[in-house]
């Protein structure tokens, strides 16, 4: 008959806890605002510090698509796919003169689907 030692049980329990914590979606930082963004399957030419390609988004509840100038840490846009994401927005205390006053971080991809041709 096989018996477990308390040390083995503790090691297994710690491993299980680490796996559960590692799979959970990140939580927003204190003082951050959580936003849900609908991201179009294409980028659009825009002008920031110079010409570039911006994400095209609409916030939850909005019907108008707008250029989104800032990067979203942890998010990689793949052309041809529409996304629904949850992000945290932090205020940058002393932004550079040509920089954004916000920083965005991906918390969770809620949905990723092939382009259905709408939103342009």
PDB file of N, CA and C in Angstrom:
ATOM      1  N   UNK A   1       0.841  -1.190   0.000  1.00  0.00           N
ATOM      2  CA  UNK A   1       0.000   0.000   0.000  1.00  0.00           C
ATOM      3  C   UNK A   1       0.881   1.246   0.000  1.00  0.00           C
ATOM      4  N   UNK A   2       0.459   2.235  -0.791  1.00  0.00           N
ATOM      5  CA  UNK A   2       1.229   3.472  -0.907  1.00  0.00           C
ATOM      6  C   UNK A   2       0.687   4.509   0.069  1.00  0.00           C
ATOM      7  N   UNK A   3       1.575   5.145   0.786  1.00  0.00           N
ATOM      8  CA  UNK A   3       1.178   6.235   1.690  1.00  0.00           C
ATOM      9  C   UNK A   3       1.959   7.474   1.314  1.00  0.00           C
ATOM     10  N   UNK A   4       1.338   8.623   1.476  1.00  0.00           N
ATOM     11  CA  UNK A   4       2.017   9.886   1.176  1.00  0.00           C
ATOM     12  C   UNK A   4       2.595  10.467   2.446  1.00  0.00           C
ATOM     13  N   UNK A   5       3.703  11.097   2.272  1.00  0.00           N
ATOM     14  CA  UNK A   5       4.330  11.777   3.401  1.00  0.00           C
ATOM     15  C   UNK A   5       3.806  13.217   3.426  1.00  0.00           C
ATOM     16  N   UNK A   6       3.752  13.829   4.590  1.00  0.00           N
ATOM     17  CA  UNK A   6       3.266  15.216   4.672  1.00  0.00           C
ATOM     18  C   UNK A   6       4.038  16.157   3.754  1.00  0.00           C
ATOM     19  N   UNK A   7       5.331  15.941   3.607  1.00  0.00           N
ATOM     20  CA  UNK A   7       6.138  16.821   2.761  1.00  0.00           C
ATOM     21  C   UNK A   7       5.710  16.698   1.297  1.00  0.00           C
ATOM     22  N   UNK A   8       5.391  15.485   0.835  1.00  0.00           N
ATOM     23  CA  UNK A   8       4.920  15.282  -0.538  1.00  0.00           C
ATOM     24  C   UNK A   8       3.583  15.975  -0.764  1.00  0.00           C
ATOM     25  N   UNK A   9       2.697  15.865   0.213  1.00  0.00           N
ATOM     26  CA  UNK A   9       1.390  16.495   0.123  1.00  0.00           C
ATOM     27  C   UNK A   9       1.526  18.011   0.052  1.00  0.00           C
ATOM     28  N   UNK A  10       2.402  18.575   0.868  1.00  0.00           N
ATOM     29  CA  UNK A  10       2.631  20.020   0.862  1.00  0.00           C
ATOM     30  C   UNK A  10       3.194  20.469  -0.486  1.00  0.00           C
ATOM     31  N   UNK A  11       4.145  19.734  -1.029  1.00  0.00           N
ATOM     32  CA  UNK A  11       4.735  20.092  -2.323  1.00  0.00           C
ATOM     33  C   UNK A  11       3.681  20.064  -3.420  1.00  0.00           C
ATOM     34  N   UNK A  12       2.820  19.043  -3.410  1.00  0.00           N
ATOM     35  CA  UNK A  12       1.755  18.937  -4.400  1.00  0.00           C
ATOM     36  C   UNK A  12       0.764  20.087  -4.268  1.00  0.00           C
ATOM     37  N   UNK A  13       0.418  20.428  -3.051  1.00  0.00           N
ATOM     38  CA  UNK A  13      -0.501  21.539  -2.801  1.00  0.00           C
ATOM     39  C   UNK A  13       0.079  22.858  -3.286  1.00  0.00           C
ATOM     40  N   UNK A  14       1.352  23.120  -3.031  1.00  0.00           N
ATOM     41  CA  UNK A  14       2.001  24.352  -3.496  1.00  0.00           C
ATOM     42  C   UNK A  14       2.064  24.403  -5.016  1.00  0.00           C
ATOM     43  N   UNK A  15       2.332  23.277  -5.640  1.00  0.00           N
ATOM     44  CA  UNK A  15       2.372  23.217  -7.097  1.00  0.00           C
ATOM     45  C   UNK A  15       1.002  23.509  -7.697  1.00  0.00           C
ATOM     46  N   UNK A  16      -0.032  22.956  -7.113  1.00  0.00           N
ATOM     47  CA  UNK A  16      -1.402  23.213  -7.564  1.00  0.00           C
ATOM     48  C   UNK A  16      -1.778  24.680  -7.404  1.00  0.00           C
ATOM     49  N   UNK A  17      -1.433  25.276  -6.286  1.00  0.00           N
ATOM     50  CA  UNK A  17      -1.733  26.699  -6.050  1.00  0.00           C
ATOM     51  C   UNK A  17      -1.016  27.569  -7.064  1.00  0.00           C
ATOM     52  N   UNK A  18       0.234  27.275  -7.368  1.00  0.00           N
ATOM     53  CA  UNK A  18       0.997  28.051  -8.352  1.00  0.00           C
ATOM     54  C   UNK A  18       0.356  27.948  -9.729  1.00  0.00           C
ATOM     55  N   UNK A  19      -0.143  26.768 -10.081  1.00  0.00           N
ATOM     56  CA  UNK A  19      -0.790  26.582 -11.376  1.00  0.00           C
ATOM     57  C   UNK A  19      -2.072  27.404 -11.469  1.00  0.00           C
ATOM     58  N   UNK A  20      -2.865  27.420 -10.416  1.00  0.00           N
ATOM     59  CA  UNK A  20      -4.118  28.181 -10.411  1.00  0.00           C
ATOM     60  C   UNK A  20      -3.832  29.671 -10.498  1.00  0.00           C
ATOM     61  N   UNK A  21      -2.885  30.162  -9.724  1.00  0.00           N
ATOM     62  CA  UNK A  21      -2.543  31.584  -9.746  1.00  0.00           C
ATOM     63  C   UNK A  21      -1.965  31.967 -11.099  1.00  0.00           C
ATOM     64  N   UNK A  22      -1.154  31.119 -11.696  1.00  0.00           N
ATOM     65  CA  UNK A  22      -0.552  31.404 -12.991  1.00  0.00           C
ATOM     66  C   UNK A  22      -1.562  31.468 -14.116  1.00  0.00           C
ATOM     67  N   UNK A  23      -2.691  30.804 -13.997  1.00  0.00           N
ATOM     68  CA  UNK A  23      -3.708  30.778 -15.048  1.00  0.00           C
ATOM     69  C   UNK A  23      -4.711  31.916 -14.932  1.00  0.00           C
ATOM     70  N   UNK A  24      -4.758  32.566 -13.807  1.00  0.00           N
ATOM     71  CA  UNK A  24      -5.733  33.634 -13.600  1.00  0.00           C
ATOM     72  C   UNK A  24      -5.357  34.864 -14.424  1.00  0.00           C
ATOM     73  N   UNK A  25      -6.361  35.597 -14.890  1.00  0.00           N
ATOM     74  CA  UNK A  25      -6.117  36.833 -15.628  1.00  0.00           C
ATOM     75  C   UNK A  25      -5.511  37.853 -14.681  1.00  0.00           C
ATOM     76  N   UNK A  26      -4.594  38.694 -15.197  1.00  0.00           N
ATOM     77  CA  UNK A  26      -3.998  39.720 -14.337  1.00  0.00           C
ATOM     78  C   UNK A  26      -5.075  40.665 -13.793  1.00  0.00           C
ATOM     79  N   UNK A  27      -4.831  41.187 -12.622  1.00  0.00           N
ATOM     80  CA  UNK A  27      -5.769  42.143 -12.039  1.00  0.00           C
ATOM     81  C   UNK A  27      -5.230  43.549 -12.242  1.00  0.00           C
ATOM     82  N   UNK A  28      -6.105  44.538 -12.356  1.00  0.00           N
ATOM     83  CA  UNK A  28      -5.652  45.915 -12.545  1.00  0.00           C
ATOM     84  C   UNK A  28      -4.838  46.397 -11.347  1.00  0.00           C
ATOM     85  N   UNK A  29      -3.914  47.287 -11.614  1.00  0.00           N
ATOM     86  CA  UNK A  29      -3.114  47.897 -10.554  1.00  0.00           C
ATOM     87  C   UNK A  29      -3.990  48.862  -9.764  1.00  0.00           C
ATOM     88  N   UNK A  30      -3.658  49.106  -8.502  1.00  0.00           N
ATOM     89  CA  UNK A  30      -4.425  50.085  -7.722  1.00  0.00           C
ATOM     90  C   UNK A  30      -4.417  51.451  -8.427  1.00  0.00           C
ATOM     91  N   UNK A  31      -5.568  52.082  -8.508  1.00  0.00           N
ATOM     92  CA  UNK A  31      -5.675  53.394  -9.151  1.00  0.00           C
ATOM     93  C   UNK A  31      -5.863  53.328 -10.660  1.00  0.00           C
ATOM     94  N   UNK A  32      -5.840  52.130 -11.231  1.00  0.00           N
ATOM     95  CA  UNK A  32      -6.016  51.983 -12.680  1.00  0.00           C
ATOM     96  C   UNK A  32      -7.498  51.952 -13.018  1.00  0.00           C
ATOM     97  N   UNK A  33      -7.805  52.354 -14.234  1.00  0.00           N
ATOM     98  CA  UNK A  33      -9.161  52.266 -14.767  1.00  0.00           C
ATOM     99  C   UNK A  33      -9.207  51.059 -15.685  1.00  0.00           C
ATOM    100  N   UNK A  34     -10.255  50.272 -15.578  1.00  0.00           N
ATOM    101  CA  UNK A  34     -10.415  49.120 -16.461  1.00  0.00           C
ATOM    102  C   UNK A  34     -11.358  49.494 -17.597  1.00  0.00           C
ATOM    103  N   UNK A  35     -10.939  49.211 -18.833  1.00  0.00           N
ATOM    104  CA  UNK A  35     -11.728  49.521 -20.021  1.00  0.00           C
ATOM    105  C   UNK A  35     -11.919  48.260 -20.844  1.00  0.00           C
ATOM    106  N   UNK A  36     -13.047  48.166 -21.517  1.00  0.00           N
ATOM    107  CA  UNK A  36     -13.273  47.103 -22.491  1.00  0.00           C
ATOM    108  C   UNK A  36     -13.259  47.765 -23.858  1.00  0.00           C
ATOM    109  N   UNK A  37     -12.373  47.267 -24.732  1.00  0.00           N
ATOM    110  CA  UNK A  37     -12.208  47.846 -26.064  1.00  0.00           C
ATOM    111  C   UNK A  37     -12.543  46.823 -27.134  1.00  0.00           C
ATOM    112  N   UNK A  38     -13.291  47.273 -28.137  1.00  0.00           N
ATOM    113  CA  UNK A  38     -13.576  46.494 -29.335  1.00  0.00           C
ATOM    114  C   UNK A  38     -12.539  46.970 -30.353  1.00  0.00           C
ATOM    115  N   UNK A  39     -11.682  46.085 -30.827  1.00  0.00           N
ATOM    116  CA  UNK A  39     -10.588  46.468 -31.732  1.00  0.00           C
ATOM    117  C   UNK A  39     -10.880  45.924 -33.124  1.00  0.00           C
ATOM    118  N   UNK A  40     -10.868  46.830 -34.103  1.00  0.00           N
ATOM    119  CA  UNK A  40     -11.162  46.479 -35.492  1.00  0.00           C
ATOM    120  C   UNK A  40     -10.084  45.549 -36.053  1.00  0.00           C
ATOM    121  N   UNK A  41     -10.409  44.820 -37.113  1.00  0.00           N
ATOM    122  CA  UNK A  41      -9.462  43.874 -37.699  1.00  0.00           C
ATOM    123  C   UNK A  41      -8.414  44.519 -38.605  1.00  0.00           C
ATOM    124  N   UNK A  42      -8.367  45.820 -38.642  1.00  0.00           N
ATOM    125  CA  UNK A  42      -7.420  46.546 -39.493  1.00  0.00           C
ATOM    126  C   UNK A  42      -6.865  47.730 -38.716  1.00  0.00           C
ATOM    127  N   UNK A  43      -5.773  48.279 -39.218  1.00  0.00           N
ATOM    128  CA  UNK A  43      -5.216  49.527 -38.686  1.00  0.00           C
ATOM    129  C   UNK A  43      -5.511  50.635 -39.691  1.00  0.00           C
ATOM    130  N   UNK A  44      -5.389  51.874 -39.223  1.00  0.00           N
ATOM    131  CA  UNK A  44      -5.693  53.030 -40.064  1.00  0.00           C
ATOM    132  C   UNK A  44      -4.520  54.009 -39.981  1.00  0.00           C
ATOM    133  N   UNK A  45      -4.209  54.643 -41.107  1.00  0.00           N
ATOM    134  CA  UNK A  45      -3.158  55.663 -41.118  1.00  0.00           C
ATOM    135  C   UNK A  45      -3.561  56.798 -40.182  1.00  0.00           C
ATOM    136  N   UNK A  46      -2.616  57.237 -39.354  1.00  0.00           N
ATOM    137  CA  UNK A  46      -2.885  58.332 -38.425  1.00  0.00           C
ATOM    138  C   UNK A  46      -1.611  59.144 -38.244  1.00  0.00           C
ATOM    139  N   UNK A  47      -1.721  60.267 -37.583  1.00  0.00           N
ATOM    140  CA  UNK A  47      -0.580  61.146 -37.373  1.00  0.00           C
ATOM    141  C   UNK A  47      -0.399  61.338 -35.875  1.00  0.00           C
ATOM    142  N   UNK A  48       0.734  60.922 -35.357  1.00  0.00           N
ATOM    143  CA  UNK A  48       1.066  61.128 -33.938  1.00  0.00           C
ATOM    144  C   UNK A  48       2.333  61.966 -33.912  1.00  0.00           C
ATOM    145  N   UNK A  49       3.458  61.383 -33.512  1.00  0.00           N
ATOM    146  CA  UNK A  49       4.739  62.092 -33.578  1.00  0.00           C
ATOM    147  C   UNK A  49       5.191  62.180 -35.031  1.00  0.00           C
ATOM    148  N   UNK A  50       4.550  61.412 -35.854  1.00  0.00           N
ATOM    149  CA  UNK A  50       4.790  61.323 -37.291  1.00  0.00           C
ATOM    150  C   UNK A  50       3.739  60.375 -37.848  1.00  0.00           C
ATOM    151  N   UNK A  51       3.769  60.121 -39.149  1.00  0.00           N
ATOM    152  CA  UNK A  51       2.781  59.207 -39.711  1.00  0.00           C
ATOM    153  C   UNK A  51       2.996  57.786 -39.187  1.00  0.00           C
ATOM    154  N   UNK A  52       1.915  57.088 -38.946  1.00  0.00           N
ATOM    155  CA  UNK A  52       1.984  55.705 -38.462  1.00  0.00           C
ATOM    156  C   UNK A  52       0.649  55.011 -38.673  1.00  0.00           C
ATOM    157  N   UNK A  53       0.550  53.781 -38.271  1.00  0.00           N
ATOM    158  CA  UNK A  53      -0.673  52.989 -38.356  1.00  0.00           C
ATOM    159  C   UNK A  53      -1.232  52.811 -36.947  1.00  0.00           C
ATOM    160  N   UNK A  54      -2.446  53.268 -36.719  1.00  0.00           N
ATOM    161  CA  UNK A  54      -3.086  53.179 -35.405  1.00  0.00           C
ATOM    162  C   UNK A  54      -4.087  52.039 -35.355  1.00  0.00           C
ATOM    163  N   UNK A  55      -4.265  51.486 -34.166  1.00  0.00           N
ATOM    164  CA  UNK A  55      -5.387  50.581 -33.950  1.00  0.00           C
ATOM    165  C   UNK A  55      -6.663  51.402 -34.106  1.00  0.00           C
ATOM    166  N   UNK A  56      -7.738  50.751 -34.482  1.00  0.00           N
ATOM    167  CA  UNK A  56      -9.041  51.400 -34.602  1.00  0.00           C
ATOM    168  C   UNK A  56      -9.942  50.718 -33.577  1.00  0.00           C
ATOM    169  N   UNK A  57     -10.473  51.517 -32.630  1.00  0.00           N
ATOM    170  CA  UNK A  57     -11.213  50.931 -31.511  1.00  0.00           C
ATOM    171  C   UNK A  57     -12.515  51.679 -31.246  1.00  0.00           C
ATOM    172  N   UNK A  58     -13.341  51.018 -30.481  1.00  0.00           N
ATOM    173  CA  UNK A  58     -14.481  51.697 -29.876  1.00  0.00           C
ATOM    174  C   UNK A  58     -14.620  51.125 -28.474  1.00  0.00           C
ATOM    175  N   UNK A  59     -14.935  52.019 -27.562  1.00  0.00           N
ATOM    176  CA  UNK A  59     -15.115  51.609 -26.167  1.00  0.00           C
ATOM    177  C   UNK A  59     -16.468  50.951 -26.003  1.00  0.00           C
ATOM    178  N   UNK A  60     -16.581  50.180 -24.952  1.00  0.00           N
ATOM    179  CA  UNK A  60     -17.832  49.504 -24.644  1.00  0.00           C
ATOM    180  C   UNK A  60     -18.959  50.533 -24.588  1.00  0.00           C
ATOM    181  N   UNK A  61     -20.019  50.288 -25.332  1.00  0.00           N
ATOM    182  CA  UNK A  61     -21.170  51.185 -25.362  1.00  0.00           C
ATOM    183  C   UNK A  61     -21.111  52.230 -26.459  1.00  0.00           C
ATOM    184  N   UNK A  62     -19.933  52.468 -27.062  1.00  0.00           N
ATOM    185  CA  UNK A  62     -19.806  53.445 -28.149  1.00  0.00           C
ATOM    186  C   UNK A  62     -20.151  52.791 -29.486  1.00  0.00           C
ATOM    187  N   UNK A  63     -20.584  53.626 -30.425  1.00  0.00           N
ATOM    188  CA  UNK A  63     -20.863  53.126 -31.775  1.00  0.00           C
ATOM    189  C   UNK A  63     -19.856  53.659 -32.788  1.00  0.00           C
ATOM    190  N   UNK A  64     -19.061  54.630 -32.399  1.00  0.00           N
ATOM    191  CA  UNK A  64     -18.112  55.271 -33.303  1.00  0.00           C
ATOM    192  C   UNK A  64     -16.718  54.664 -33.151  1.00  0.00           C
ATOM    193  N   UNK A  65     -16.111  54.299 -34.287  1.00  0.00           N
ATOM    194  CA  UNK A  65     -14.736  53.804 -34.309  1.00  0.00           C
ATOM    195  C   UNK A  65     -13.787  54.993 -34.305  1.00  0.00           C
ATOM    196  N   UNK A  66     -12.733  54.932 -33.488  1.00  0.00           N
ATOM    197  CA  UNK A  66     -11.750  56.019 -33.416  1.00  0.00           C
ATOM    198  C   UNK A  66     -10.335  55.450 -33.457  1.00  0.00           C
ATOM    199  N   UNK A  67      -9.391  56.298 -33.865  1.00  0.00           N
ATOM    200  CA  UNK A  67      -7.986  55.904 -33.843  1.00  0.00           C
ATOM    201  C   UNK A  67      -7.520  55.775 -32.397  1.00  0.00           C
ATOM    202  N   UNK A  68      -6.695  54.779 -32.140  1.00  0.00           N
ATOM    203  CA  UNK A  68      -6.133  54.555 -30.812  1.00  0.00           C
ATOM    204  C   UNK A  68      -4.625  54.669 -30.965  1.00  0.00           C
ATOM    205  N   UNK A  69      -4.056  55.722 -30.433  1.00  0.00           N
ATOM    206  CA  UNK A  69      -2.661  56.070 -30.686  1.00  0.00           C
ATOM    207  C   UNK A  69      -1.660  55.332 -29.811  1.00  0.00           C
ATOM    208  N   UNK A  70      -2.082  54.870 -28.653  1.00  0.00           N
ATOM    209  CA  UNK A  70      -1.153  54.283 -27.689  1.00  0.00           C
ATOM    210  C   UNK A  70      -0.973  52.782 -27.893  1.00  0.00           C
ATOM    211  N   UNK A  71       0.206  52.271 -27.547  1.00  0.00           N
ATOM    212  CA  UNK A  71       0.371  50.811 -27.563  1.00  0.00           C
ATOM    213  C   UNK A  71      -0.339  50.203 -26.351  1.00  0.00           C
ATOM    214  N   UNK A  72      -0.668  48.930 -26.441  1.00  0.00           N
ATOM    215  CA  UNK A  72      -1.238  48.193 -25.314  1.00  0.00           C
ATOM    216  C   UNK A  72      -0.217  47.122 -24.948  1.00  0.00           C
ATOM    217  N   UNK A  73       0.437  47.285 -23.805  1.00  0.00           N
ATOM    218  CA  UNK A  73       1.449  46.324 -23.369  1.00  0.00           C
ATOM    219  C   UNK A  73       0.845  44.929 -23.283  1.00  0.00           C
ATOM    220  N   UNK A  74       1.498  43.971 -23.919  1.00  0.00           N
ATOM    221  CA  UNK A  74       1.037  42.588 -23.876  1.00  0.00           C
ATOM    222  C   UNK A  74       0.061  42.212 -24.969  1.00  0.00           C
ATOM    223  N   UNK A  75      -0.287  43.155 -25.849  1.00  0.00           N
ATOM    224  CA  UNK A  75      -1.246  42.878 -26.915  1.00  0.00           C
ATOM    225  C   UNK A  75      -0.557  42.950 -28.266  1.00  0.00           C
ATOM    226  N   UNK A  76      -0.765  41.937 -29.097  1.00  0.00           N
ATOM    227  CA  UNK A  76      -0.237  41.922 -30.464  1.00  0.00           C
ATOM    228  C   UNK A  76      -1.427  41.798 -31.414  1.00  0.00           C
ATOM    229  N   UNK A  77      -1.676  42.857 -32.175  1.00  0.00           N
ATOM    230  CA  UNK A  77      -2.788  42.873 -33.128  1.00  0.00           C
ATOM    231  C   UNK A  77      -2.438  42.030 -34.345  1.00  0.00           C
ATOM    232  N   UNK A  78      -3.347  41.175 -34.737  1.00  0.00           N
ATOM    233  CA  UNK A  78      -3.176  40.366 -35.936  1.00  0.00           C
ATOM    234  C   UNK A  78      -4.228  40.822 -36.943  1.00  0.00           C
ATOM    235  N   UNK A  79      -3.771  41.363 -38.073  1.00  0.00           N
ATOM    236  CA  UNK A  79      -4.685  41.854 -39.104  1.00  0.00           C
ATOM    237  C   UNK A  79      -5.656  40.755 -39.517  1.00  0.00           C
ATOM    238  N   UNK A  80      -6.913  41.152 -39.739  1.00  0.00           N
ATOM    239  CA  UNK A  80      -7.935  40.198 -40.152  1.00  0.00           C
ATOM    240  C   UNK A  80      -8.726  39.624 -38.987  1.00  0.00           C
ATOM    241  N   UNK A  81      -8.342  39.972 -37.755  1.00  0.00           N
ATOM    242  CA  UNK A  81      -9.050  39.493 -36.569  1.00  0.00           C
ATOM    243  C   UNK A  81      -9.581  40.674 -35.766  1.00  0.00           C
ATOM    244  N   UNK A  82     -10.794  40.532 -35.324  1.00  0.00           N
ATOM    245  CA  UNK A  82     -11.419  41.531 -34.448  1.00  0.00           C
ATOM    246  C   UNK A  82     -11.320  41.024 -33.015  1.00  0.00           C
ATOM    247  N   UNK A  83     -11.038  41.932 -32.113  1.00  0.00           N
ATOM    248  CA  UNK A  83     -10.812  41.571 -30.723  1.00  0.00           C
ATOM    249  C   UNK A  83     -11.757  42.328 -29.795  1.00  0.00           C
ATOM    250  N   UNK A  84     -12.085  41.703 -28.703  1.00  0.00           N
ATOM    251  CA  UNK A  84     -12.714  42.365 -27.575  1.00  0.00           C
ATOM    252  C   UNK A  84     -11.751  42.117 -26.422  1.00  0.00           C
ATOM    253  N   UNK A  85     -11.186  43.196 -25.874  1.00  0.00           N
ATOM    254  CA  UNK A  85     -10.164  43.054 -24.840  1.00  0.00           C
ATOM    255  C   UNK A  85     -10.513  43.890 -23.616  1.00  0.00           C
ATOM    256  N   UNK A  86      -9.989  43.454 -22.506  1.00  0.00           N
ATOM    257  CA  UNK A  86     -10.088  44.209 -21.261  1.00  0.00           C
ATOM    258  C   UNK A  86      -8.684  44.709 -20.960  1.00  0.00           C
ATOM    259  N   UNK A  87      -8.552  46.021 -20.769  1.00  0.00           N
ATOM    260  CA  UNK A  87      -7.244  46.637 -20.506  1.00  0.00           C
ATOM    261  C   UNK A  87      -7.314  47.486 -19.250  1.00  0.00           C
ATOM    262  N   UNK A  88      -6.141  47.721 -18.677  1.00  0.00           N
ATOM    263  CA  UNK A  88      -6.071  48.697 -17.587  1.00  0.00           C
ATOM    264  C   UNK A  88      -5.421  49.947 -18.157  1.00  0.00           C
ATOM    265  N   UNK A  89      -5.905  51.096 -17.696  1.00  0.00           N
ATOM    266  CA  UNK A  89      -5.348  52.381 -18.113  1.00  0.00           C
ATOM    267  C   UNK A  89      -4.802  53.059 -16.872  1.00  0.00           C
ATOM    268  N   UNK A  90      -3.506  53.343 -16.916  1.00  0.00           N
ATOM    269  CA  UNK A  90      -2.844  54.037 -15.818  1.00  0.00           C
ATOM    270  C   UNK A  90      -2.478  55.445 -16.257  1.00  0.00           C
ATOM    271  N   UNK A  91      -2.574  56.389 -15.352  1.00  0.00           N
ATOM    272  CA  UNK A  91      -2.159  57.757 -15.631  1.00  0.00           C
ATOM    273  C   UNK A  91      -0.645  57.836 -15.483  1.00  0.00           C
ATOM    274  N   UNK A  92       0.026  58.407 -16.482  1.00  0.00           N
ATOM    275  CA  UNK A  92       1.469  58.621 -16.421  1.00  0.00           C
ATOM    276  C   UNK A  92       1.691  59.952 -15.713  1.00  0.00           C
ATOM    277  N   UNK A  93       2.392  59.909 -14.593  1.00  0.00           N
ATOM    278  CA  UNK A  93       2.562  61.101 -13.749  1.00  0.00           C
ATOM    279  C   UNK A  93       3.241  62.258 -14.485  1.00  0.00           C
ATOM    280  N   UNK A  94       4.341  62.003 -15.143  1.00  0.00           N
ATOM    281  CA  UNK A  94       5.056  63.054 -15.875  1.00  0.00           C
ATOM    282  C   UNK A  94       5.338  62.568 -17.296  1.00  0.00           C
ATOM    283  N   UNK A  95       4.330  62.654 -18.159  1.00  0.00           N
ATOM    284  CA  UNK A  95       4.542  62.149 -19.525  1.00  0.00           C
ATOM    285  C   UNK A  95       5.508  63.043 -20.299  1.00  0.00           C
ATOM    286  N   UNK A  96       6.245  62.470 -21.238  1.00  0.00           N
ATOM    287  CA  UNK A  96       7.103  63.301 -22.084  1.00  0.00           C
ATOM    288  C   UNK A  96       6.242  64.244 -22.920  1.00  0.00           C
ATOM    289  N   UNK A  97       6.840  65.324 -23.391  1.00  0.00           N
ATOM    290  CA  UNK A  97       6.101  66.345 -24.138  1.00  0.00           C
ATOM    291  C   UNK A  97       5.385  65.753 -25.353  1.00  0.00           C
ATOM    292  N   UNK A  98       5.992  64.761 -25.990  1.00  0.00           N
ATOM    293  CA  UNK A  98       5.379  64.175 -27.180  1.00  0.00           C
ATOM    294  C   UNK A  98       4.749  62.814 -26.891  1.00  0.00           C
ATOM    295  N   UNK A  99       4.528  62.503 -25.610  1.00  0.00           N
ATOM    296  CA  UNK A  99       4.004  61.195 -25.236  1.00  0.00           C
ATOM    297  C   UNK A  99       2.600  61.268 -24.660  1.00  0.00           C
ATOM    298  N   UNK A 100       2.042  60.118 -24.460  1.00  0.00           N
ATOM    299  CA  UNK A 100       0.696  60.004 -23.930  1.00  0.00           C
ATOM    300  C   UNK A 100       0.695  60.190 -22.419  1.00  0.00           C
ATOM    301  N   UNK A 101      -0.421  60.639 -21.898  1.00  0.00           N
ATOM    302  CA  UNK A 101      -0.562  60.774 -20.444  1.00  0.00           C
ATOM    303  C   UNK A 101      -1.159  59.498 -19.844  1.00  0.00           C
ATOM    304  N   UNK A 102      -1.346  58.464 -20.694  1.00  0.00           N
ATOM    305  CA  UNK A 102      -1.859  57.170 -20.230  1.00  0.00           C
ATOM    306  C   UNK A 102      -0.938  56.046 -20.679  1.00  0.00           C
ATOM    307  N   UNK A 103      -0.962  54.973 -19.917  1.00  0.00           N
ATOM    308  CA  UNK A 103      -0.286  53.732 -20.286  1.00  0.00           C
ATOM    309  C   UNK A 103      -1.326  52.624 -20.207  1.00  0.00           C
ATOM    310  N   UNK A 104      -1.342  51.750 -21.215  1.00  0.00           N
ATOM    311  CA  UNK A 104      -2.334  50.682 -21.292  1.00  0.00           C
ATOM    312  C   UNK A 104      -1.648  49.319 -21.175  1.00  0.00           C
ATOM    313  N   UNK A 105      -2.321  48.387 -20.477  1.00  0.00           N
ATOM    314  CA  UNK A 105      -1.810  47.029 -20.323  1.00  0.00           C
ATOM    315  C   UNK A 105      -2.958  46.053 -20.530  1.00  0.00           C
ATOM    316  N   UNK A 106      -2.705  45.036 -21.338  1.00  0.00           N
ATOM    317  CA  UNK A 106      -3.709  44.006 -21.587  1.00  0.00           C
ATOM    318  C   UNK A 106      -3.954  43.209 -20.317  1.00  0.00           C
ATOM    319  N   UNK A 107      -5.226  43.065 -19.955  1.00  0.00           N
ATOM    320  CA  UNK A 107      -5.605  42.204 -18.841  1.00  0.00           C
ATOM    321  C   UNK A 107      -6.131  40.873 -19.356  1.00  0.00           C
ATOM    322  N   UNK A 108      -6.936  40.943 -20.443  1.00  0.00           N
ATOM    323  CA  UNK A 108      -7.557  39.716 -20.934  1.00  0.00           C
ATOM    324  C   UNK A 108      -8.105  39.914 -22.345  1.00  0.00           C
ATOM    325  N   UNK A 109      -7.899  38.912 -23.197  1.00  0.00           N
ATOM    326  CA  UNK A 109      -8.566  38.887 -24.499  1.00  0.00           C
ATOM    327  C   UNK A 109      -9.871  38.147 -24.269  1.00  0.00           C
ATOM    328  N   UNK A 110     -10.976  38.876 -24.367  1.00  0.00           N
ATOM    329  CA  UNK A 110     -12.295  38.289 -24.134  1.00  0.00           C
ATOM    330  C   UNK A 110     -12.798  37.529 -25.354  1.00  0.00           C
ATOM    331  N   UNK A 111     -12.420  38.031 -26.549  1.00  0.00           N
ATOM    332  CA  UNK A 111     -12.862  37.386 -27.784  1.00  0.00           C
ATOM    333  C   UNK A 111     -11.901  37.751 -28.908  1.00  0.00           C
ATOM    334  N   UNK A 112     -11.619  36.784 -29.765  1.00  0.00           N
ATOM    335  CA  UNK A 112     -10.838  37.004 -30.982  1.00  0.00           C
ATOM    336  C   UNK A 112     -11.551  36.243 -32.083  1.00  0.00           C
ATOM    337  N   UNK A 113     -11.965  36.966 -33.130  1.00  0.00           N
ATOM    338  CA  UNK A 113     -12.694  36.296 -34.206  1.00  0.00           C
ATOM    339  C   UNK A 113     -12.277  36.855 -35.569  1.00  0.00           C
ATOM    340  N   UNK A 114     -12.389  36.011 -36.587  1.00  0.00           N
ATOM    341  CA  UNK A 114     -12.095  36.426 -37.952  1.00  0.00           C
ATOM    342  C   UNK A 114     -12.980  37.593 -38.360  1.00  0.00           C
ATOM    343  N   UNK A 115     -12.446  38.479 -39.202  1.00  0.00           N
ATOM    344  CA  UNK A 115     -13.169  39.658 -39.684  1.00  0.00           C
ATOM    345  C   UNK A 115     -14.449  39.260 -40.414  1.00  0.00           C
ATOM    346  N   UNK A 116     -15.545  39.902 -40.010  1.00  0.00           N
ATOM    347  CA  UNK A 116     -16.825  39.685 -40.679  1.00  0.00           C
ATOM    348  C   UNK A 116     -17.117  40.812 -41.679  1.00  0.00           C
ATOM    349  N   UNK A 117     -16.183  41.764 -41.827  1.00  0.00           N
ATOM    350  CA  UNK A 117     -16.327  42.836 -42.802  1.00  0.00           C
ATOM    351  C   UNK A 117     -17.027  44.090 -42.312  1.00  0.00           C
ATOM    352  N   UNK A 118     -17.398  44.168 -41.037  1.00  0.00           N
ATOM    353  CA  UNK A 118     -18.077  45.376 -40.542  1.00  0.00           C
ATOM    354  C   UNK A 118     -17.078  46.303 -39.854  1.00  0.00           C
ATOM    355  N   UNK A 119     -17.507  47.527 -39.584  1.00  0.00           N
ATOM    356  CA  UNK A 119     -16.714  48.464 -38.803  1.00  0.00           C
ATOM    357  C   UNK A 119     -15.827  49.381 -39.614  1.00  0.00           C
ATOM    358  N   UNK A 120     -15.790  49.224 -40.921  1.00  0.00           N
ATOM    359  CA  UNK A 120     -14.911  50.094 -41.721  1.00  0.00           C
ATOM    360  C   UNK A 120     -15.601  51.369 -42.113  1.00  0.00           C
TER     361      UNK A 120
END
